[in-house]
Structure formats: structure tokens, C-alpha cells
């Protein structure tokens, strides 16, 4: 039989190929390693034939399927295009009996041919459990298609050889017998898995934002807009939603929205922030891009927020959501105004402090309860500078003890420490908001040794008591006072000496007069 076929049907130039295929020992040795062999040869009439040899049973390696197909036939063309075709055959009672899939369909799910050429019930085992009823309902719909031109399509999931489910778009038509009963349903599968994965990702993003945003739009790469979420809120303008969808083009819709609801002085900034190119750039760099704007609705102004989120890294689709942020923004504006006022007050106080520091060699801000302090100003060439350069202090009492041990004489040390002790400072400032203390230290590098300390209570509450301590040198004042004291002392000594002279003279005279040109004064 094989020899007759070779002689009468196989073109002479292809007979060597045909003979190699007919070597059964060679074929079965190859099928042990591969599941399929393919050979091409031409018949006498020039028709190109493809011979596919496939293992039929894993239990019996001697069993195989030999399929001869014409490469110029419709079947071969469909196969070359990769169209995944299927057929369901029915019994006399119109029950689905056998399900068959072609090679392209098997390749789509990575199965062997025989896996998709079995009973219909076996086919259902590949369908996702949530989609089984949908597939069964599709069979009933096919039975209802009496017009040969009618078709039914559906989408469901099938399990591949890796155990994962892939989405397919199924399209089929019904073939009827002469007696009016259904014979077969033939159709194709279109792989829509990537589209479904994209839609699922979009759904998760939209669902994640849906609780926060009232209206949400899906913007496609061609800028068409689809309202994908909406829930009622008093501030939503129904007319704006209708116009956005009617225009159905992101850039044009945003421009129309701005002209209707954004004040002229804010419109340019709004259009710049929401420009299509700007949005694409921002969502490439950040997960979410947000724009806060002020809307004017029939004279009522309020603040709202648009948030943009990218849906797919492979295209320019994105979702945008609108929500009311008026209370939040107004609260932020209030806080900012308060902050600006506080900053202005701080700057004013800083100016005062700067002027104060220009008169003082050292200024400290002390919390008297915890004894913590901060050096606000320390002049150069001072004893305080020397101490703080060598050691860090957190306790003001400890700092004062270190200062006293280095620069205060032993006789003045106790009085000095008593006055600067935080506990005593707090007590004295309770009675007076400002107190002053003078002391003498060892000379610093600027040859200053006389100082005045001023303590001012800044603020006090249940937990804290803040004070500002300033130190300034008063050597020039002390020098003046010392000169005045010396003059007073000299005058006093002169008076004493004069009195002693007069007393000595008085012993010899009855009357003594201190004479002036204008008058005489009776001393005794």
C-alpha cells in the first residue's frame, strides 16, 4: 500500500524524504525524545503535503497518529495563521459530546493535541470553576441560534499546562442537521489574557481610589474619557459630568471645564497643571499626581482636588478622580496664616534679641524646672566661650559651678552660686519679672572682670518656667564709680582735716570766723 502510494502520488524529487519518514524504526526512536515530527513533500499534482507524526499514548510508544494535510488547504492556512479553532459535537439528544481543538489552540495552552480532543466533560475540567456555569449557559445560547449568520461570543478562563488560567474570547456558530437538531458548534478562541490583566489592574487601582473620590474617569491613550465611578455628593455638578463625557477628549474637556468653573486669574495655572503632557510626565515619575484648585460654581468658591494615577506602564492610559478638599485647604490656609503671624512675631523678637545681644557678652535661654539651657549668644574672647569650647553642658547649675570654680574668687563663690541656682532664680523671678546681680570675676582675654547679670522671666506654665539670662561687662561703669568714690573719699578727708585745724585754733580764740568777701560766717 505504501509503495503504491509512493509510486502514484509522491513526486519523484521528494521520494527520498518520503522513504526516510517511512522508516518506522527511525520515527519511533525520534518520538522517544520529541512528541512530534513534521515532514513536507509534494504530490504528483504539485500539492504540498505536510505529514505530522505524533505520539498517541504515553503507555504504548508504538502507537502514533499520522496526519496528512494539504498546506494549500483552508485548514493549513488557518493553522499557519495560528487561529485557535474548536468544535463541539452533539449527540442525537443535542447534548454536547466531544470537544476538539486544533493545533493552534493546543499551542495556546501548551497542551498535547489529544488533551483537547476528548469528551466535553473533560473539557469543562479545564474551565475556571467560576466560569463553568457561564460556559454551560453558552451551550444553551448556541442551541437558540437558528439563523446561520448568527453567532454567540463570550469570555472565560481556561487552565494552561502550567496550572495558570488564561482569558479567551470565544466566538462560535451553530451547524444544524436536516432534521433541525444541532450537529456541531464551531468557533475560535482569541487570546485576551493581557487585556484582561490590564483591566484587572485598572479595576484594582480604581477600587482602591473609589472610597476616597466621588467621580473617577478612565482616560485612554487616545484621550477618550470614560466615567468609571460615580457616587452622589452635593458638590458634584451634574452638568460638568455630562459635558466632560459629551466632549469625550481629555484636553478639550479640561479646557471646557476651566472656562466654565475656574476664575480667570486661576485658569492659566490650572490648565498648566492639568495639561495632558504634564500629567503623563508626572505619573511616569510618581505613583499619584495631585492638583488642588479653586472652583467657582455660580458664585460659590471652594477647593477641590484632582488625582491622576497611571494604569499601565506600556501605554499612556490613566485614571483621574475628583474629591472635595475645601475644609482641609481652608484649615491649612488658617494654619499657614497663624504660622506666618508666629514667624513675624519670632522675627520681631529676634530683632529685639539681636539688639539685646549686641549689649551683652552672653545670653542664655534656660528652662528652670529641668535646668536645661541653650546658648543664644556668646561673644568672643570671653570666659564663657573658653568653657563651652572645651565641654558641652546640658544642666545650667553644672555650667555655673564650672564657671565659678574657674573664674570666681573663693570668697565670692558661694554668693555667686546661690544667686544663679535655678531653684533660686525661679523663686526670685516669681516675686519680680526682672532681677539683677553684679559680680567680679577673674579677667578674661579682653581684660574685663566686672559683670552685671540680668534675669527675665519669659513664660511659665504648669510644667515649664522659661527665663532669659544676659551678661554684660560693666568695667567702664565701675571705673567711673571708682573715680567718683575716690573723689568723695578725698573730699571727705579734706573736710576732716579742715575740722581738725579749726578745732586746734579754737582752743586759743574766743570767736573764729570764716571770712568771704561778701559776708562773714560765725563758726562758733
Protein backbone atom coordinates (compact mmCIF):
# COMPACT_ATOMS: atom_id res chain seq x y z
CA UNK A 1 0.00 0.00 0.00
CA UNK A 2 2.77 2.44 0.97
CA UNK A 3 4.75 1.51 -2.12
CA UNK A 4 1.74 2.06 -4.37
CA UNK A 5 1.05 5.44 -2.78
CA UNK A 6 4.72 6.41 -3.22
CA UNK A 7 4.73 5.36 -6.86
CA UNK A 8 1.49 7.03 -7.95
CA UNK A 9 1.20 10.09 -5.68
CA UNK A 10 4.65 11.23 -4.39
CA UNK A 11 6.64 13.48 -6.71
CA UNK A 12 9.95 11.90 -7.64
CA UNK A 13 12.16 14.66 -6.18
CA UNK A 14 10.53 14.14 -2.76
CA UNK A 15 10.62 10.34 -2.62
CA UNK A 16 13.89 10.22 -0.64
CA UNK A 17 12.27 12.35 2.08
CA UNK A 18 9.19 10.16 1.99
CA UNK A 19 11.31 7.00 2.27
CA UNK A 20 13.10 8.39 5.35
CA UNK A 21 9.73 9.02 7.03
CA UNK A 22 8.57 5.53 6.25
CA UNK A 23 11.49 4.10 8.28
CA UNK A 24 9.43 3.20 11.34
CA UNK A 25 12.45 2.38 13.50
CA UNK A 26 13.85 5.87 12.91
CA UNK A 27 10.47 7.55 13.59
CA UNK A 28 9.88 5.78 16.89
CA UNK A 29 13.42 6.45 18.08
CA UNK A 30 12.85 10.16 17.48
CA UNK A 31 9.41 10.14 19.15
CA UNK A 32 11.03 8.90 22.34
CA UNK A 33 12.71 12.30 22.63
CA UNK A 34 10.21 14.51 20.80
CA UNK A 35 6.42 14.48 20.89
CA UNK A 36 6.01 15.36 17.22
CA UNK A 37 7.69 15.08 13.79
CA UNK A 38 6.85 17.17 10.72
CA UNK A 39 7.79 16.49 7.07
CA UNK A 40 6.83 18.24 3.83
CA UNK A 41 6.59 16.64 0.39
CA UNK A 42 4.79 17.29 -2.88
CA UNK A 43 2.36 15.08 -4.69
CA UNK A 44 2.40 14.39 -8.44
CA UNK A 45 -0.19 17.16 -8.95
CA UNK A 46 2.11 19.68 -7.19
CA UNK A 47 0.06 19.87 -3.99
CA UNK A 48 2.29 20.45 -0.91
CA UNK A 49 1.53 17.95 1.85
CA UNK A 50 2.53 18.15 5.49
CA UNK A 51 2.89 14.90 7.39
CA UNK A 52 2.63 15.21 11.16
CA UNK A 53 3.52 12.20 13.28
CA UNK A 54 2.57 12.43 16.97
CA UNK A 55 2.82 10.10 19.92
CA UNK A 56 -0.65 8.82 20.68
CA UNK A 57 -0.13 7.12 24.04
CA UNK A 58 2.47 7.52 26.73
CA UNK A 59 1.80 3.93 27.83
CA UNK A 60 2.42 2.39 24.39
CA UNK A 61 5.29 4.02 22.46
CA UNK A 62 4.43 2.02 19.32
CA UNK A 63 1.12 3.85 18.91
CA UNK A 64 1.23 7.10 16.93
CA UNK A 65 -1.03 9.37 14.90
CA UNK A 66 -0.16 10.16 11.26
CA UNK A 67 -1.87 13.26 9.89
CA UNK A 68 -1.65 14.21 6.20
CA UNK A 69 -2.81 17.75 5.41
CA UNK A 70 -2.55 19.85 2.31
CA UNK A 71 -0.60 23.03 3.05
CA UNK A 72 -2.72 24.89 0.48
CA UNK A 73 -5.97 23.82 2.16
CA UNK A 74 -8.10 26.13 4.35
CA UNK A 75 -7.17 24.04 7.37
CA UNK A 76 -3.47 24.51 6.72
CA UNK A 77 -3.85 28.25 6.17
CA UNK A 78 -5.71 28.64 9.48
CA UNK A 79 -3.02 26.61 11.20
CA UNK A 80 -0.25 28.77 9.73
CA UNK A 81 -2.02 31.90 10.93
CA UNK A 82 -2.22 30.44 14.43
CA UNK A 83 -6.01 30.66 14.69
CA UNK A 84 -7.12 28.64 17.69
CA UNK A 85 -10.19 26.75 16.43
CA UNK A 86 -12.52 24.46 18.31
CA UNK A 87 -15.54 22.26 17.60
CA UNK A 88 -18.19 20.75 19.87
CA UNK A 89 -20.06 17.71 18.55
CA UNK A 90 -23.51 16.82 19.89
CA UNK A 91 -25.38 13.51 20.24
CA UNK A 92 -28.89 12.80 18.95
CA UNK A 93 -30.37 14.36 22.09
CA UNK A 94 -28.46 17.59 21.49
CA UNK A 95 -26.13 17.02 24.43
CA UNK A 96 -22.50 18.15 23.97
CA UNK A 97 -20.50 15.01 23.47
CA UNK A 98 -16.99 15.68 22.12
CA UNK A 99 -14.77 18.75 22.28
CA UNK A 100 -11.97 19.12 19.73
CA UNK A 101 -9.29 21.79 19.42
CA UNK A 102 -6.80 22.29 16.62
CA UNK A 103 -3.03 22.54 16.96
CA UNK A 104 -3.04 26.33 17.32
CA UNK A 105 -5.44 26.03 20.26
CA UNK A 106 -3.23 23.37 21.87
CA UNK A 107 -0.19 25.59 21.46
CA UNK A 108 -2.03 28.49 23.06
CA UNK A 109 -2.40 26.50 26.29
CA UNK A 110 0.75 24.33 25.90
CA UNK A 111 -1.14 21.04 25.72
CA UNK A 112 -0.73 17.97 23.55
CA UNK A 113 -3.27 17.53 20.77
CA UNK A 114 -5.11 14.65 22.47
CA UNK A 115 -5.68 16.76 25.60
CA UNK A 116 -8.13 18.94 23.68
CA UNK A 117 -9.71 16.12 21.69
CA UNK A 118 -11.80 14.46 24.35
CA UNK A 119 -15.19 14.42 25.96
CA UNK A 120 -16.99 17.67 26.70
CA UNK A 121 -16.99 16.94 30.43
CA UNK A 122 -13.23 16.56 30.28
CA UNK A 123 -13.03 19.96 28.59
CA UNK A 124 -15.05 21.54 31.40
CA UNK A 125 -12.35 20.43 33.87
CA UNK A 126 -10.03 22.98 32.19
CA UNK A 127 -12.51 25.83 32.70
CA UNK A 128 -12.11 28.10 35.72
CA UNK A 129 -14.61 27.00 38.42
CA UNK A 130 -16.21 30.44 38.45
CA UNK A 131 -16.79 30.28 34.67
CA UNK A 132 -18.17 26.73 34.32
CA UNK A 133 -21.82 27.84 34.54
CA UNK A 134 -21.13 30.59 32.01
CA UNK A 135 -19.79 28.00 29.52
CA UNK A 136 -22.81 25.75 30.09
CA UNK A 137 -25.14 28.70 29.50
CA UNK A 138 -23.26 29.43 26.27
CA UNK A 139 -24.24 25.95 25.01
CA UNK A 140 -27.91 26.80 25.58
CA UNK A 141 -27.46 30.05 23.67
CA UNK A 142 -25.88 28.19 20.74
CA UNK A 143 -28.94 25.94 20.62
CA UNK A 144 -31.10 29.04 20.26
CA UNK A 145 -29.19 30.33 17.20
CA UNK A 146 -31.45 29.30 14.31
CA UNK A 147 -30.06 31.77 11.80
CA UNK A 148 -26.89 30.57 10.09
CA UNK A 149 -25.46 34.08 10.16
CA UNK A 150 -25.91 34.46 13.91
CA UNK A 151 -23.02 33.92 16.27
CA UNK A 152 -22.50 33.91 20.04
CA UNK A 153 -19.42 35.20 21.83
CA UNK A 154 -18.31 35.07 25.44
CA UNK A 155 -15.24 35.48 27.64
CA UNK A 156 -13.99 32.94 30.17
CA UNK A 157 -10.81 31.40 31.61
CA UNK A 158 -9.08 28.13 30.71
CA UNK A 159 -6.27 26.44 32.64
CA UNK A 160 -2.98 26.00 30.76
CA UNK A 161 -0.41 23.27 31.27
CA UNK A 162 1.36 25.37 33.92
CA UNK A 163 -1.78 25.43 36.05
CA UNK A 164 -2.46 29.11 35.36
CA UNK A 165 -5.72 30.45 33.93
CA UNK A 166 -5.78 32.39 30.66
CA UNK A 167 -8.62 34.58 29.42
CA UNK A 168 -10.05 33.85 25.96
CA UNK A 169 -12.70 35.50 23.84
CA UNK A 170 -14.78 32.69 22.36
CA UNK A 171 -16.76 33.21 19.12
CA UNK A 172 -18.89 30.41 17.62
CA UNK A 173 -21.64 29.48 15.19
CA UNK A 174 -24.09 26.57 15.15
CA UNK A 175 -24.33 23.92 12.42
CA UNK A 176 -27.72 22.19 12.11
CA UNK A 177 -28.79 18.80 10.78
CA UNK A 178 -31.55 18.38 8.23
CA UNK A 179 -33.89 17.25 10.97
CA UNK A 180 -33.45 20.59 12.76
CA UNK A 181 -31.30 19.26 15.52
CA UNK A 182 -27.92 20.74 16.44
CA UNK A 183 -24.97 18.92 14.91
CA UNK A 184 -21.86 20.90 15.79
CA UNK A 185 -20.76 24.26 17.14
CA UNK A 186 -17.60 25.59 15.54
CA UNK A 187 -15.65 28.58 16.72
CA UNK A 188 -12.37 30.26 17.51
CA UNK A 189 -10.53 31.49 20.62
CA UNK A 190 -8.88 34.91 20.73
CA UNK A 191 -6.24 35.33 23.44
CA UNK A 192 -7.32 38.32 25.58
CA UNK A 193 -5.26 37.46 28.65
CA UNK A 194 -3.07 40.60 28.51
CA UNK A 195 -6.11 42.82 28.05
CA UNK A 196 -7.86 41.17 30.97
CA UNK A 197 -4.78 41.51 33.17
CA UNK A 198 -4.63 45.19 32.28
CA UNK A 199 -8.35 45.60 33.04
CA UNK A 200 -7.91 43.80 36.37
CA UNK A 201 -5.03 46.08 37.30
CA UNK A 202 -7.14 49.07 36.33
CA UNK A 203 -10.02 47.76 38.43
CA UNK A 204 -7.79 47.34 41.50
CA UNK A 205 -6.43 50.87 41.17
CA UNK A 206 -9.90 52.29 40.62
CA UNK A 207 -11.37 50.29 43.52
CA UNK A 208 -8.51 51.46 45.75
CA UNK A 209 -9.29 55.09 44.97
CA UNK A 210 -13.08 54.76 44.81
CA UNK A 211 -13.65 55.17 48.55
CA UNK A 212 -11.83 58.49 48.52
CA UNK A 213 -13.01 60.01 45.24
CA UNK A 214 -16.58 60.74 44.20
CA UNK A 215 -16.16 60.81 40.41
CA UNK A 216 -13.47 58.86 38.55
CA UNK A 217 -12.62 58.91 34.86
CA UNK A 218 -10.61 56.44 32.80
CA UNK A 219 -8.54 58.25 30.15
CA UNK A 220 -7.30 56.10 27.27
CA UNK A 221 -4.11 56.75 25.22
CA UNK A 222 -6.24 58.47 22.54
CA UNK A 223 -7.53 60.84 25.32
CA UNK A 224 -11.08 59.45 25.20
CA UNK A 225 -12.72 59.55 28.64
CA UNK A 226 -14.97 57.02 30.35
CA UNK A 227 -16.79 57.66 33.64
CA UNK A 228 -15.89 54.53 35.63
CA UNK A 229 -17.05 55.53 39.15
CA UNK A 230 -19.74 57.92 40.36
CA UNK A 231 -21.49 58.43 43.67
CA UNK A 232 -23.77 61.27 44.64
CA UNK A 233 -22.44 64.27 46.52
CA UNK A 234 -23.95 67.73 46.93
CA UNK A 235 -20.90 69.46 45.46
CA UNK A 236 -20.88 67.40 42.24
CA UNK A 237 -22.09 69.36 39.20
CA UNK A 238 -24.11 67.00 37.03
CA UNK A 239 -23.79 69.35 34.07
CA UNK A 240 -19.97 69.17 34.31
CA UNK A 241 -20.02 65.36 34.21
CA UNK A 242 -22.34 65.34 31.19
CA UNK A 243 -20.20 67.87 29.29
CA UNK A 244 -16.97 66.01 30.12
CA UNK A 245 -18.41 62.79 28.72
CA UNK A 246 -20.06 64.51 25.75
CA UNK A 247 -16.81 66.13 24.58
CA UNK A 248 -15.01 62.83 25.32
CA UNK A 249 -11.48 64.16 24.84
CA UNK A 250 -9.31 64.88 27.87
CA UNK A 251 -7.60 68.09 26.69
CA UNK A 252 -10.79 69.57 25.21
CA UNK A 253 -12.89 68.52 28.22
CA UNK A 254 -10.44 70.04 30.72
CA UNK A 255 -10.32 73.28 28.73
CA UNK A 256 -14.12 73.47 28.66
CA UNK A 257 -14.28 72.73 32.40
CA UNK A 258 -11.75 75.50 33.13
CA UNK A 259 -13.67 78.07 31.09
CA UNK A 260 -16.89 77.24 32.91
CA UNK A 261 -15.76 76.80 36.52
CA UNK A 262 -12.26 78.28 37.09
CA UNK A 263 -11.86 82.02 37.72
CA UNK A 264 -9.86 83.80 35.04
CA UNK A 265 -6.98 84.71 37.36
CA UNK A 266 -6.53 80.99 38.27
CA UNK A 267 -7.33 79.45 34.87
CA UNK A 268 -3.86 79.55 33.29
CA UNK A 269 -2.25 77.85 36.32
CA UNK A 270 -4.99 75.18 36.36
CA UNK A 271 -4.58 74.40 32.65
CA UNK A 272 -0.80 74.24 33.05
CA UNK A 273 -1.04 71.79 35.98
CA UNK A 274 -3.60 69.58 34.21
CA UNK A 275 -2.08 69.69 30.71
CA UNK A 276 -2.02 66.22 29.13
CA UNK A 277 1.77 66.20 28.61
CA UNK A 278 2.34 67.44 32.19
CA UNK A 279 0.12 64.70 33.64
CA UNK A 280 1.90 61.97 31.64
CA UNK A 281 5.29 63.24 32.80
CA UNK A 282 4.26 63.42 36.46
CA UNK A 283 2.68 59.94 36.62
CA UNK A 284 5.77 58.45 34.97
CA UNK A 285 7.85 59.73 37.90
CA UNK A 286 5.33 59.40 40.78
CA UNK A 287 2.56 56.88 41.58
CA UNK A 288 -0.01 59.66 42.03
CA UNK A 289 -0.03 63.26 40.78
CA UNK A 290 -2.37 65.66 42.59
CA UNK A 291 -3.68 69.09 41.63
CA UNK A 292 -5.60 71.30 44.08
CA UNK A 293 -7.68 74.08 42.55
CA UNK A 294 -10.46 76.54 43.43
CA UNK A 295 -13.75 76.07 41.61
CA UNK A 296 -16.35 78.80 41.14
CA UNK A 297 -19.85 77.35 40.93
CA UNK A 298 -22.43 80.09 40.42
CA UNK A 299 -20.50 82.44 42.71
CA UNK A 300 -19.73 79.79 45.35
CA UNK A 301 -15.96 79.21 45.58
CA UNK A 302 -14.48 76.07 47.11
CA UNK A 303 -11.34 73.94 46.84
CA UNK A 304 -11.20 70.55 45.12
CA UNK A 305 -8.52 68.02 44.20
CA UNK A 306 -7.85 66.01 41.05
CA UNK A 307 -5.62 62.95 41.45
CA UNK A 308 -4.03 61.18 38.47
CA UNK A 309 -2.70 57.60 38.60
CA UNK A 310 -1.01 55.58 35.82
CA UNK A 311 -2.74 52.33 34.90
CA UNK A 312 -0.27 50.56 32.61
CA UNK A 313 3.45 51.11 32.15
CA UNK A 314 3.16 50.10 28.50
CA UNK A 315 0.75 52.85 27.40
CA UNK A 316 -0.47 56.31 28.37
CA UNK A 317 -3.80 55.33 29.94
CA UNK A 318 -4.52 56.79 33.37
CA UNK A 319 -7.33 57.32 35.85
CA UNK A 320 -8.29 60.63 37.43
CA UNK A 321 -10.51 61.22 40.43
CA UNK A 322 -12.21 64.32 41.86
CA UNK A 323 -12.84 64.99 45.55
CA UNK A 324 -13.82 67.84 47.88
CA UNK A 325 -10.89 69.18 49.95
CA UNK A 326 -12.36 72.57 50.88
CA UNK A 327 -12.32 72.08 54.66
CA UNK A 328 -8.79 70.66 54.57
CA UNK A 329 -7.45 73.51 52.43
CA UNK A 330 -9.18 76.21 54.48
CA UNK A 331 -7.74 74.67 57.64
CA UNK A 332 -4.28 74.65 56.02
CA UNK A 333 -4.71 78.28 54.99
CA UNK A 334 -5.66 79.13 58.57
CA UNK A 335 -2.62 77.26 59.91
CA UNK A 336 -0.36 78.96 57.36
CA UNK A 337 -1.70 82.38 58.38
CA UNK A 338 -1.08 81.53 62.02
CA UNK A 339 2.39 80.30 61.12
CA UNK A 340 3.17 83.46 59.21
CA UNK A 341 1.98 85.54 62.16
CA UNK A 342 4.11 83.44 64.51
CA UNK A 343 7.12 83.79 62.20
CA UNK A 344 6.58 87.54 62.05
CA UNK A 345 6.46 87.61 65.85
CA UNK A 346 9.60 85.47 66.05
CA UNK A 347 11.39 87.74 63.60
CA UNK A 348 10.35 90.74 65.66
CA UNK A 349 11.51 89.06 68.85
CA UNK A 350 14.72 88.07 67.08
CA UNK A 351 15.35 91.69 66.17
CA UNK A 352 14.88 92.62 69.81
CA UNK A 353 17.11 89.73 70.87
CA UNK A 354 19.78 90.75 68.35
CA UNK A 355 19.75 94.27 69.76
CA UNK A 356 19.88 92.80 73.25
CA UNK A 357 22.80 90.55 72.30
CA UNK A 358 24.74 93.49 70.96
CA UNK A 359 24.80 94.91 74.52
CA UNK A 360 25.55 91.60 76.26
CA UNK A 361 28.59 89.33 76.10
CA UNK A 362 26.50 86.20 76.81
CA UNK A 363 22.76 85.37 76.61
CA UNK A 364 21.18 82.08 77.73
CA UNK A 365 17.65 80.67 77.39
CA UNK A 366 17.03 78.50 80.49
CA UNK A 367 14.18 76.17 81.47
CA UNK A 368 14.42 76.48 85.25
CA UNK A 369 12.49 73.31 86.13
CA UNK A 370 14.59 70.89 84.07
CA UNK A 371 17.70 73.15 84.30
CA UNK A 372 18.28 72.69 80.56
CA UNK A 373 19.57 75.69 78.67
CA UNK A 374 20.59 76.99 75.26
CA UNK A 375 23.35 79.46 74.47
CA UNK A 376 21.68 82.19 72.42
CA UNK A 377 24.75 84.45 72.10
CA UNK A 378 28.37 84.13 73.26
CA UNK A 379 30.90 86.87 72.46
CA UNK A 380 34.48 86.02 71.56
CA UNK A 381 37.39 86.38 74.00
CA UNK A 382 35.12 85.68 76.98
CA UNK A 383 35.40 83.23 79.84
CA UNK A 384 32.09 81.64 78.77
CA UNK A 385 33.49 80.98 75.30
CA UNK A 386 36.52 79.21 76.76
CA UNK A 387 34.38 76.90 78.91
CA UNK A 388 31.84 75.99 76.20
CA UNK A 389 34.58 75.29 73.66
CA UNK A 390 36.11 72.68 75.95
CA UNK A 391 32.96 70.99 77.27
CA UNK A 392 29.28 70.52 76.40
CA UNK A 393 26.79 71.26 79.21
CA UNK A 394 23.12 70.31 79.42
CA UNK A 395 22.50 71.41 83.05
CA UNK A 396 22.66 75.13 83.84
CA UNK A 397 23.59 74.56 87.52
CA UNK A 398 26.53 72.38 86.45
CA UNK A 399 27.62 75.03 83.97
CA UNK A 400 27.54 77.74 86.68
CA UNK A 401 29.58 75.56 89.08
CA UNK A 402 32.20 75.03 86.34
CA UNK A 403 32.30 78.77 85.68
CA UNK A 404 32.58 79.64 89.39
CA UNK A 405 35.39 77.14 90.02
CA UNK A 406 37.42 78.68 87.19
CA UNK A 407 36.71 82.42 87.33
CA UNK A 408 35.15 83.41 90.69
CA UNK A 409 37.25 84.01 93.79
CA UNK A 410 36.77 81.69 96.74
CA UNK A 411 35.29 84.48 98.90
CA UNK A 412 32.59 85.33 96.28
CA UNK A 413 31.88 81.82 95.06
CA UNK A 414 29.04 80.89 97.47
CA UNK A 415 27.12 84.10 96.86
CA UNK A 416 27.58 83.67 93.09
CA UNK A 417 26.27 80.09 93.03
CA UNK A 418 23.34 80.87 95.32
CA UNK A 419 22.14 83.63 93.01
CA UNK A 420 22.45 81.60 89.78
CA UNK A 421 20.99 78.36 91.13
CA UNK A 422 17.90 77.54 89.00
CA UNK A 423 15.74 76.93 92.05
CA UNK A 424 16.60 80.37 93.49
CA UNK A 425 16.23 82.09 90.12
CA UNK A 426 12.70 80.69 89.77
CA UNK A 427 11.82 81.79 93.31
CA UNK A 428 13.19 85.33 92.83
CA UNK A 429 11.51 85.69 89.42
CA UNK A 430 8.20 84.78 90.98
CA UNK A 431 8.41 87.97 93.02
CA UNK A 432 9.93 90.14 90.25
CA UNK A 433 9.91 89.55 86.48
CA UNK A 434 13.38 91.07 86.20
CA UNK A 435 16.27 90.72 88.67
CA UNK A 436 19.88 91.97 88.54
CA UNK A 437 23.15 90.80 90.07
CA UNK A 438 26.67 92.29 89.99
CA UNK A 439 29.83 90.25 90.45
CA UNK A 440 33.56 90.29 89.87
CA UNK A 441 35.41 87.52 88.02
CA UNK A 442 38.99 86.89 87.00
CA UNK A 443 39.85 88.98 83.95
CA UNK A 444 39.05 87.49 80.55
CA UNK A 445 41.08 87.91 77.38
CA UNK A 446 39.55 91.36 76.87
CA UNK A 447 40.66 92.36 80.40
CA UNK A 448 37.06 92.57 81.63
CA UNK A 449 36.28 91.47 85.17
CA UNK A 450 33.20 93.33 86.38
CA UNK A 451 29.84 91.99 85.18
CA UNK A 452 26.12 92.56 85.56
CA UNK A 453 23.69 89.64 85.15
CA UNK A 454 20.03 90.24 84.33
CA UNK A 455 17.38 87.51 84.53
CA UNK A 456 13.98 87.99 82.87
CA UNK A 457 11.04 85.59 83.13
CA UNK A 458 9.78 84.81 79.63
CA UNK A 459 6.98 82.31 80.20
CA UNK A 460 5.67 79.96 82.89
CA UNK A 461 3.06 77.20 82.90
CA UNK A 462 2.36 74.07 84.94
CA UNK A 463 5.38 72.21 83.62
CA UNK A 464 7.85 74.85 82.48
CA UNK A 465 9.41 78.09 83.60
CA UNK A 466 11.50 79.85 80.95
CA UNK A 467 13.95 82.65 81.67
CA UNK A 468 16.38 84.71 79.63
CA UNK A 469 19.75 85.47 81.29
CA UNK A 470 22.00 88.17 79.90
CA UNK A 471 25.56 89.08 80.99
CA UNK A 472 27.33 92.33 80.19
CA UNK A 473 30.60 93.77 81.36
CA UNK A 474 30.43 96.96 83.45
CA UNK A 475 34.14 97.67 83.87
CA UNK A 476 33.74 101.19 82.42
CA UNK A 477 30.89 101.90 84.85
CA UNK A 478 32.88 100.51 87.73
CA UNK A 479 35.85 102.67 86.73
CA UNK A 480 33.66 105.78 86.77
CA UNK A 481 32.10 104.80 90.08
CA UNK A 482 35.55 104.09 91.46
CA UNK A 483 36.76 107.57 90.37
CA UNK A 484 33.69 109.18 91.96
CA UNK A 485 34.26 107.22 95.16
CA UNK A 486 37.86 108.35 95.23
CA UNK A 487 36.79 111.97 94.78
CA UNK A 488 34.23 111.64 97.54
CA UNK A 489 36.81 109.99 99.78
CA UNK A 490 39.33 112.76 99.05
CA UNK A 491 36.76 115.48 99.76
CA UNK A 492 35.77 113.73 102.95
CA UNK A 493 39.37 113.54 104.10
CA UNK A 494 39.85 117.24 103.33
CA UNK A 495 36.82 118.11 105.40
CA UNK A 496 38.11 116.04 108.30
CA UNK A 497 41.49 117.71 108.05
CA UNK A 498 39.90 121.20 108.00
CA UNK A 499 37.84 120.37 111.04
CA UNK A 500 40.90 119.23 112.92
CA UNK A 501 42.74 122.54 112.14
CA UNK A 502 39.80 124.61 113.21
CA UNK A 503 39.45 122.66 116.44
CA UNK A 504 43.14 123.27 117.26
CA UNK A 505 42.83 127.00 116.65
CA UNK A 506 39.62 127.23 118.65
CA UNK A 507 41.45 126.40 121.82
CA UNK A 508 43.23 129.85 121.66
CA UNK A 509 40.45 132.10 120.37
CA UNK A 510 37.00 133.07 121.60
CA UNK A 511 35.50 133.58 118.17
CA UNK A 512 36.56 132.27 114.80
CA UNK A 513 35.06 133.49 111.56
CA UNK A 514 35.32 132.06 108.12
CA UNK A 515 35.56 135.09 106.00
CA UNK A 516 34.27 135.57 102.50
CA UNK A 517 34.40 138.74 100.54
CA UNK A 518 30.69 139.20 100.67
CA UNK A 519 30.00 138.06 104.24
CA UNK A 520 31.39 136.62 107.44
CA UNK A 521 30.20 133.27 108.80
CA UNK A 522 30.14 132.66 112.53
CA UNK A 523 31.55 129.21 113.03
CA UNK A 524 31.44 129.17 116.83
